[in-house]
C-alpha atoms as a PDB file:
ATOM      1  CA  MET A   1       3.111 -39.659  18.035  1.00  0.00           C
ATOM      2  CA  SER A   2      -0.173 -37.514  18.104  1.00  0.00           C
ATOM      3  CA  GLY A   3      -2.294 -37.323  15.353  1.00  0.00           C
ATOM      4  CA  HIS A   4      -3.425 -34.210  15.718  1.00  0.00           C
ATOM      5  CA  PRO A   5      -1.305 -31.244  13.565  1.00  0.00           C
ATOM      6  CA  THR A   6       1.299 -29.188  15.458  1.00  0.00           C
ATOM      7  CA  GLU A   7      -0.731 -25.634  16.235  1.00  0.00           C
ATOM      8  CA  ILE A   8       1.356 -22.839  14.915  1.00  0.00           C
ATOM      9  CA  PRO A   9       2.305 -20.076  17.589  1.00  0.00           C
ATOM     10  CA  ILE A  10       0.462 -16.861  17.316  1.00  0.00           C
ATOM     11  CA  ASP A  11       3.951 -14.819  17.072  1.00  0.00           C
ATOM     12  CA  GLU A  12       4.492 -16.962  13.713  1.00  0.00           C
ATOM     13  CA  ARG A  13       0.740 -16.123  12.662  1.00  0.00           C
ATOM     14  CA  LEU A  14      -0.404 -13.356  10.768  1.00  0.00           C
ATOM     15  CA  ARG A  15      -2.830 -10.966  11.698  1.00  0.00           C
ATOM     16  CA  VAL A  16      -5.647 -10.768   8.987  1.00  0.00           C
ATOM     17  CA  THR A  17      -8.842  -8.257   8.723  1.00  0.00           C
ATOM     18  CA  GLU A  18      -9.768  -9.598   5.222  1.00  0.00           C
ATOM     19  CA  VAL A  19      -9.110 -11.212   2.317  1.00  0.00           C
ATOM     20  CA  TYR A  20     -10.892 -10.234  -0.892  1.00  0.00           C
ATOM     21  CA  ALA A  21     -10.931  -9.870  -4.474  1.00  0.00           C
ATOM     22  CA  SER A  22     -11.760  -6.631  -6.451  1.00  0.00           C
ATOM     23  CA  ILE A  23     -10.248  -4.132  -8.635  1.00  0.00           C
ATOM     24  CA  GLN A  24      -7.126  -2.257  -8.104  1.00  0.00           C
ATOM     25  CA  GLY A  25      -8.237   0.810  -7.903  1.00  0.00           C
ATOM     26  CA  GLU A  26      -4.931   2.983  -7.398  1.00  0.00           C
ATOM     27  CA  SER A  27      -1.214   3.015  -9.179  1.00  0.00           C
ATOM     28  CA  THR A  28      -0.433   2.134 -12.249  1.00  0.00           C
ATOM     29  CA  TRP A  29      -2.237  -1.252 -11.919  1.00  0.00           C
ATOM     30  CA  VAL A  30      -5.446   0.622 -11.773  1.00  0.00           C
ATOM     31  CA  GLY A  31      -8.665  -1.304 -12.828  1.00  0.00           C
ATOM     32  CA  LEU A  32      -6.926  -5.018 -12.787  1.00  0.00           C
ATOM     33  CA  PRO A  33      -8.866  -7.530 -11.278  1.00  0.00           C
ATOM     34  CA  CYS A  34      -6.720  -7.937  -7.816  1.00  0.00           C
ATOM     35  CA  THR A  35      -6.746 -10.408  -4.646  1.00  0.00           C
ATOM     36  CA  PHE A  36      -6.187  -7.973  -1.588  1.00  0.00           C
ATOM     37  CA  VAL A  37      -4.688  -9.326   1.533  1.00  0.00           C
ATOM     38  CA  ARG A  38      -5.317  -6.471   4.137  1.00  0.00           C
ATOM     39  CA  LEU A  39      -3.388  -7.068   7.374  1.00  0.00           C
ATOM     40  CA  THR A  40      -4.424  -5.640  10.813  1.00  0.00           C
ATOM     41  CA  GLY A  41      -2.654  -2.951  12.745  1.00  0.00           C
ATOM     42  CA  CYS A  42      -0.328   0.022  11.696  1.00  0.00           C
ATOM     43  CA  ASN A  43       2.109   1.942  13.298  1.00  0.00           C
ATOM     44  CA  LEU A  44       0.560   5.526  12.214  1.00  0.00           C
ATOM     45  CA  ARG A  45      -2.504   7.460  12.713  1.00  0.00           C
ATOM     46  CA  CYS A  46      -3.230   9.774   9.484  1.00  0.00           C
ATOM     47  CA  THR A  47      -5.421  12.325  10.140  1.00  0.00           C
ATOM     48  CA  TRP A  48      -7.445  11.129   6.668  1.00  0.00           C
ATOM     49  CA  CYS A  49      -7.122   7.225   6.940  1.00  0.00           C
ATOM     50  CA  ASP A  50      -9.802   5.836   5.202  1.00  0.00           C
ATOM     51  CA  SER A  51      -8.727   1.943   6.675  1.00  0.00           C
ATOM     52  CA  VAL A  52      -9.241   2.810  10.566  1.00  0.00           C
ATOM     53  CA  PHE A  53     -10.814  -0.305  10.907  1.00  0.00           C
ATOM     54  CA  THR A  54      -7.705  -2.390  10.664  1.00  0.00           C
ATOM     55  CA  PHE A  55      -6.080  -0.827  13.546  1.00  0.00           C
ATOM     56  CA  THR A  56      -7.612  -3.487  15.845  1.00  0.00           C
ATOM     57  CA  GLY A  57      -8.935  -7.067  15.887  1.00  0.00           C
ATOM     58  CA  GLY A  58      -8.379  -9.349  12.830  1.00  0.00           C
ATOM     59  CA  GLU A  59      -7.980 -13.131  12.788  1.00  0.00           C
ATOM     60  CA  HIS A  60      -4.658 -14.980  13.562  1.00  0.00           C
ATOM     61  CA  ARG A  61      -4.468 -17.019  10.239  1.00  0.00           C
ATOM     62  CA  SER A  62      -0.774 -19.430   9.335  1.00  0.00           C
ATOM     63  CA  ILE A  63       0.839 -18.171   6.118  1.00  0.00           C
ATOM     64  CA  ASP A  64      -0.167 -21.551   4.261  1.00  0.00           C
ATOM     65  CA  ASP A  65      -3.882 -20.725   5.380  1.00  0.00           C
ATOM     66  CA  VAL A  66      -4.180 -17.472   3.621  1.00  0.00           C
ATOM     67  CA  LEU A  67      -2.058 -18.565   0.637  1.00  0.00           C
ATOM     68  CA  ASP A  68      -4.855 -21.360   0.294  1.00  0.00           C
ATOM     69  CA  GLU A  69      -7.512 -18.222   0.683  1.00  0.00           C
ATOM     70  CA  VAL A  70      -5.573 -16.546  -2.401  1.00  0.00           C
ATOM     71  CA  ASP A  71      -5.293 -19.592  -4.505  1.00  0.00           C
ATOM     72  CA  ARG A  72      -9.172 -20.100  -4.417  1.00  0.00           C
ATOM     73  CA  VAL A  73      -9.678 -16.612  -5.170  1.00  0.00           C
ATOM     74  CA  GLY A  74      -7.689 -17.123  -8.635  1.00  0.00           C
ATOM     75  CA  VAL A  75      -6.389 -13.930  -9.436  1.00  0.00           C
ATOM     76  CA  SER A  76      -3.138 -13.480 -10.771  1.00  0.00           C
ATOM     77  CA  LEU A  77      -2.336  -9.939  -9.259  1.00  0.00           C
ATOM     78  CA  VAL A  78      -1.989  -9.739  -5.477  1.00  0.00           C
ATOM     79  CA  GLU A  79      -1.892  -7.037  -3.528  1.00  0.00           C
ATOM     80  CA  VAL A  80      -0.584  -7.249   0.426  1.00  0.00           C
ATOM     81  CA  THR A  81      -1.559  -4.453   2.191  1.00  0.00           C
ATOM     82  CA  GLY A  82      -3.182  -2.521   5.652  1.00  0.00           C
ATOM     83  CA  GLY A  83      -2.965  -0.868   8.305  1.00  0.00           C
ATOM     84  CA  GLU A  84       0.997  -1.116   7.762  1.00  0.00           C
ATOM     85  CA  PRO A  85       1.806  -4.715   6.558  1.00  0.00           C
ATOM     86  CA  LEU A  86       5.684  -4.382   7.458  1.00  0.00           C
ATOM     87  CA  ALA A  87       4.656  -3.742  10.806  1.00  0.00           C
ATOM     88  CA  GLN A  88       4.188  -7.576  10.781  1.00  0.00           C
ATOM     89  CA  ARG A  89       7.028  -9.787  11.281  1.00  0.00           C
ATOM     90  CA  GLN A  90       5.527 -12.778   9.190  1.00  0.00           C
ATOM     91  CA  ALA A  91       5.001  -9.977   6.299  1.00  0.00           C
ATOM     92  CA  ILE A  92       8.084 -10.664   4.442  1.00  0.00           C
ATOM     93  CA  PRO A  93       8.040 -14.807   4.408  1.00  0.00           C
ATOM     94  CA  LEU A  94       4.283 -14.153   3.069  1.00  0.00           C
ATOM     95  CA  LEU A  95       5.646 -12.157   0.517  1.00  0.00           C
ATOM     96  CA  GLN A  96       8.148 -14.355  -0.436  1.00  0.00           C
ATOM     97  CA  ARG A  97       5.894 -17.485  -0.603  1.00  0.00           C
ATOM     98  CA  LEU A  98       3.205 -15.584  -3.089  1.00  0.00           C
ATOM     99  CA  VAL A  99       6.312 -14.434  -5.472  1.00  0.00           C
ATOM    100  CA  ASP A 100       7.330 -18.049  -5.092  1.00  0.00           C
ATOM    101  CA  ARG A 101       3.706 -19.599  -6.026  1.00  0.00           C
ATOM    102  CA  GLY A 102       4.108 -17.203  -9.213  1.00  0.00           C
ATOM    103  CA  TYR A 103       1.749 -14.554  -8.555  1.00  0.00           C
ATOM    104  CA  THR A 104       2.535 -11.001  -9.187  1.00  0.00           C
ATOM    105  CA  VAL A 105       2.727  -9.056  -5.765  1.00  0.00           C
ATOM    106  CA  LEU A 106       2.212  -5.486  -4.815  1.00  0.00           C
ATOM    107  CA  LEU A 107       2.988  -4.374  -1.552  1.00  0.00           C
ATOM    108  CA  GLU A 108       1.005  -1.188  -0.397  1.00  0.00           C
ATOM    109  CA  THR A 109       3.521   0.157   2.326  1.00  0.00           C
ATOM    110  CA  SER A 110       3.552   3.839   4.291  1.00  0.00           C
ATOM    111  CA  GLY A 111       7.268   3.759   3.756  1.00  0.00           C
ATOM    112  CA  SER A 112       7.813   4.413   7.640  1.00  0.00           C
ATOM    113  CA  ILE A 113       9.118   1.007   7.949  1.00  0.00           C
ATOM    114  CA  ASP A 114      12.583  -0.328   6.074  1.00  0.00           C
ATOM    115  CA  ILE A 115      11.854  -1.541   2.694  1.00  0.00           C
ATOM    116  CA  ARG A 116      15.163  -3.686   2.151  1.00  0.00           C
ATOM    117  CA  PRO A 117      13.848  -6.652   3.531  1.00  0.00           C
ATOM    118  CA  VAL A 118      10.754  -7.247   1.030  1.00  0.00           C
ATOM    119  CA  PRO A 119      11.846  -9.435  -1.879  1.00  0.00           C
ATOM    120  CA  ASP A 120      12.951  -7.994  -4.915  1.00  0.00           C
ATOM    121  CA  ALA A 121       9.999  -9.485  -7.126  1.00  0.00           C
ATOM    122  CA  VAL A 122       7.686  -7.463  -5.168  1.00  0.00           C
ATOM    123  CA  HIS A 123       6.086  -4.319  -6.110  1.00  0.00           C
ATOM    124  CA  VAL A 124       6.311  -1.616  -3.494  1.00  0.00           C
ATOM    125  CA  ILE A 125       4.020   1.054  -3.921  1.00  0.00           C
ATOM    126  CA  MET A 126       5.170   3.550  -0.940  1.00  0.00           C
ATOM    127  CA  ASP A 127       2.891   6.188   0.360  1.00  0.00           C
ATOM    128  CA  LEU A 128       4.924   8.997   1.782  1.00  0.00           C
ATOM    129  CA  LYS A 129       3.093  10.824   4.339  1.00  0.00           C
ATOM    130  CA  PRO A 130       2.692  14.878   3.902  1.00  0.00           C
ATOM    131  CA  PRO A 131       2.253  17.319   6.642  1.00  0.00           C
ATOM    132  CA  GLY A 132      -1.586  17.081   6.602  1.00  0.00           C
ATOM    133  CA  SER A 133      -1.393  13.502   7.381  1.00  0.00           C
ATOM    134  CA  GLY A 134       0.521  14.754  10.762  1.00  0.00           C
ATOM    135  CA  GLU A 135       2.788  11.828  10.433  1.00  0.00           C
ATOM    136  CA  ALA A 136       5.270  13.249   8.047  1.00  0.00           C
ATOM    137  CA  ASP A 137       8.002  12.854  10.604  1.00  0.00           C
ATOM    138  CA  LYS A 138       7.400   9.389  10.507  1.00  0.00           C
ATOM    139  CA  ASN A 139       8.535   9.220   7.028  1.00  0.00           C
ATOM    140  CA  LEU A 140      11.780   6.920   6.677  1.00  0.00           C
ATOM    141  CA  LEU A 141      13.739   8.842   3.732  1.00  0.00           C
ATOM    142  CA  SER A 142      16.454   6.755   3.480  1.00  0.00           C
ATOM    143  CA  ASN A 143      13.502   4.140   1.780  1.00  0.00           C
ATOM    144  CA  ILE A 144      13.760   5.852  -1.418  1.00  0.00           C
ATOM    145  CA  GLU A 145      17.617   4.951  -1.755  1.00  0.00           C
ATOM    146  CA  ALA A 146      15.978   1.356  -1.566  1.00  0.00           C
ATOM    147  CA  LEU A 147      13.634   1.521  -4.311  1.00  0.00           C
ATOM    148  CA  GLN A 148      13.598  -0.580  -7.160  1.00  0.00           C
ATOM    149  CA  PRO A 149      12.991   0.092 -10.779  1.00  0.00           C
ATOM    150  CA  ASN A 150       9.568  -1.460 -10.611  1.00  0.00           C
ATOM    151  CA  ASP A 151       8.570   0.260  -7.608  1.00  0.00           C
ATOM    152  CA  GLU A 152       5.875   3.112  -7.331  1.00  0.00           C
ATOM    153  CA  VAL A 153       5.854   6.500  -4.894  1.00  0.00           C
ATOM    154  CA  LYS A 154       2.402   7.715  -4.077  1.00  0.00           C
ATOM    155  CA  PHE A 155       1.803  11.074  -2.363  1.00  0.00           C
ATOM    156  CA  VAL A 156      -1.865  11.512  -1.105  1.00  0.00           C
ATOM    157  CA  LEU A 157      -2.583  15.505  -0.650  1.00  0.00           C
ATOM    158  CA  ALA A 158      -5.302  17.644   1.200  1.00  0.00           C
ATOM    159  CA  ASP A 159      -3.937  21.145   0.110  1.00  0.00           C
ATOM    160  CA  ARG A 160      -1.802  23.269  -1.618  1.00  0.00           C
ATOM    161  CA  ARG A 161       0.809  23.037   1.127  1.00  0.00           C
ATOM    162  CA  ASP A 162       1.050  19.132   0.768  1.00  0.00           C
ATOM    163  CA  PHE A 163       1.480  19.468  -2.788  1.00  0.00           C
ATOM    164  CA  ASP A 164       4.578  21.583  -2.281  1.00  0.00           C
ATOM    165  CA  TRP A 165       5.668  19.449   0.142  1.00  0.00           C
ATOM    166  CA  ALA A 166       5.737  16.844  -2.330  1.00  0.00           C
ATOM    167  CA  ALA A 167       6.880  18.768  -5.628  1.00  0.00           C
ATOM    168  CA  ASP A 168       9.643  19.629  -3.281  1.00  0.00           C
ATOM    169  CA  LEU A 169      10.395  16.005  -2.253  1.00  0.00           C
ATOM    170  CA  ILE A 170       9.859  14.607  -5.995  1.00  0.00           C
ATOM    171  CA  ARG A 171      12.735  17.078  -7.442  1.00  0.00           C
ATOM    172  CA  ARG A 172      14.905  17.161  -4.466  1.00  0.00           C
ATOM    173  CA  TYR A 173      15.316  13.266  -4.707  1.00  0.00           C
ATOM    174  CA  ASP A 174      15.069  12.750  -8.895  1.00  0.00           C
ATOM    175  CA  LEU A 175      12.055  10.798  -7.365  1.00  0.00           C
ATOM    176  CA  ARG A 176      11.068   9.836 -11.398  1.00  0.00           C
ATOM    177  CA  SER A 177      14.491   8.002 -12.360  1.00  0.00           C
ATOM    178  CA  ARG A 178      14.432   6.022  -9.441  1.00  0.00           C
ATOM    179  CA  CYS A 179      10.794   3.940  -9.906  1.00  0.00           C
ATOM    180  CA  ARG A 180       8.028   3.346 -12.251  1.00  0.00           C
ATOM    181  CA  GLU A 181       5.626   5.882 -11.338  1.00  0.00           C
ATOM    182  CA  VAL A 182       5.192   8.712  -9.060  1.00  0.00           C
ATOM    183  CA  LEU A 183       1.528   9.289  -8.156  1.00  0.00           C
ATOM    184  CA  LEU A 184      -0.573  12.176  -6.811  1.00  0.00           C
ATOM    185  CA  SER A 185      -3.467  11.536  -5.011  1.00  0.00           C
ATOM    186  CA  PRO A 186      -6.079  14.084  -3.522  1.00  0.00           C
ATOM    187  CA  VAL A 187      -7.635  13.040  -0.119  1.00  0.00           C
ATOM    188  CA  TRP A 188     -11.142  12.065  -1.127  1.00  0.00           C
ATOM    189  CA  GLY A 189     -13.610  14.793  -0.067  1.00  0.00           C
ATOM    190  CA  SER A 190     -10.910  17.140   1.132  1.00  0.00           C
ATOM    191  CA  LEU A 191      -8.747  18.257  -2.471  1.00  0.00           C
ATOM    192  CA  GLU A 192     -10.649  18.773  -5.491  1.00  0.00           C
ATOM    193  CA  PRO A 193      -8.826  16.485  -8.171  1.00  0.00           C
ATOM    194  CA  ALA A 194      -9.261  19.570 -11.037  1.00  0.00           C
ATOM    195  CA  ALA A 195      -7.096  21.415  -8.420  1.00  0.00           C
ATOM    196  CA  LEU A 196      -4.492  18.976  -8.365  1.00  0.00           C
ATOM    197  CA  VAL A 197      -4.580  18.609 -12.063  1.00  0.00           C
ATOM    198  CA  ASP A 198      -3.796  22.494 -12.161  1.00  0.00           C
ATOM    199  CA  TRP A 199      -0.864  22.582  -9.903  1.00  0.00           C
ATOM    200  CA  ALA A 200       0.673  19.512 -10.905  1.00  0.00           C
ATOM    201  CA  LEU A 201       0.425  21.078 -14.555  1.00  0.00           C
ATOM    202  CA  ALA A 202       1.709  24.452 -13.593  1.00  0.00           C
ATOM    203  CA  GLU A 203       4.707  22.888 -11.961  1.00  0.00           C
ATOM    204  CA  ARG A 204       5.546  20.465 -14.945  1.00  0.00           C
ATOM    205  CA  LEU A 205       5.669  17.722 -12.354  1.00  0.00           C
ATOM    206  CA  PRO A 206       7.118  14.625 -13.331  1.00  0.00           C
ATOM    207  CA  ALA A 207       4.136  12.652 -11.934  1.00  0.00           C
ATOM    208  CA  ARG A 208       0.949  11.201 -12.479  1.00  0.00           C
ATOM    209  CA  VAL A 209      -2.440  12.755 -11.010  1.00  0.00           C
ATOM    210  CA  GLN A 210      -4.899   9.662  -9.869  1.00  0.00           C
ATOM    211  CA  VAL A 211      -8.595   9.351  -7.924  1.00  0.00           C
ATOM    212  CA  GLN A 212      -9.116   6.355  -5.898  1.00  0.00           C
ATOM    213  CA  VAL A 213     -11.156   4.421  -8.913  1.00  0.00           C
ATOM    214  CA  HIS A 214     -13.144   1.919  -5.957  1.00  0.00           C
ATOM    215  CA  LYS A 215     -14.522   5.205  -4.462  1.00  0.00           C
ATOM    216  CA  VAL A 216     -15.745   6.183  -7.551  1.00  0.00           C
ATOM    217  CA  ILE A 217     -17.657   2.982  -8.805  1.00  0.00           C
ATOM    218  CA  TRP A 218     -18.902   2.244  -5.152  1.00  0.00           C
ATOM    219  CA  PRO A 219     -19.557   3.991  -2.345  1.00  0.00           C
ATOM    220  CA  PRO A 220     -16.131   5.608  -0.491  1.00  0.00           C
ATOM    221  CA  ASP A 221     -16.584   3.828   2.833  1.00  0.00           C
ATOM    222  CA  ALA A 222     -17.050   0.192   1.087  1.00  0.00           C
ATOM    223  CA  ARG A 223     -15.576  -2.194   2.103  1.00  0.00           C
ATOM    224  CA  GLY A 224     -14.117  -5.770   0.524  1.00  0.00           C
ATOM    225  CA  VAL A 225     -14.123  -3.634  -2.876  1.00  0.00           C
END
């Protein structure tokens, strides 16, 4: 027998853009220390995407290797994000093993891929795409039925048309009763947060307005924060 470790085939590895510690910049977890595992690749091309650097490249890494790095960082809250994490087959095993190690695990996903295989203990943050994204037709609305009480739904909005679309969906599916929180976020540099607040108040929407705190603290295009 060879004394060398068996190499893990590439199709059983994750393609990873970066692993880093920062604070959570969005969602009901905002402000908390968090380790981010950013996977490479996305099936969407949203007009305002702020993570186009994840579309290509990345490093092929085993799940064990990623877990070891997360352990070294030593933060109890972990978010798996992208790109679109669920576009990678090994994302589900990664999520389960993070849960098994006792981490509080968040998954940021577009909602364009079935979330039913995601472990129940994972907090899904589903980012549904409005018309302004150019990808509204990719929303897998059946995912709404799969939401768990600790999940969250996020809408990133560029204008009034996007807001009206989100408001219709929130009411039609009674989203607030299905999940922990519904979040409204203005596209950075496109929609003034004050305008979004005015609309949400006028419509009495059962939703939380948020801004991307990390873009307030650091330059909006900064990576690894």
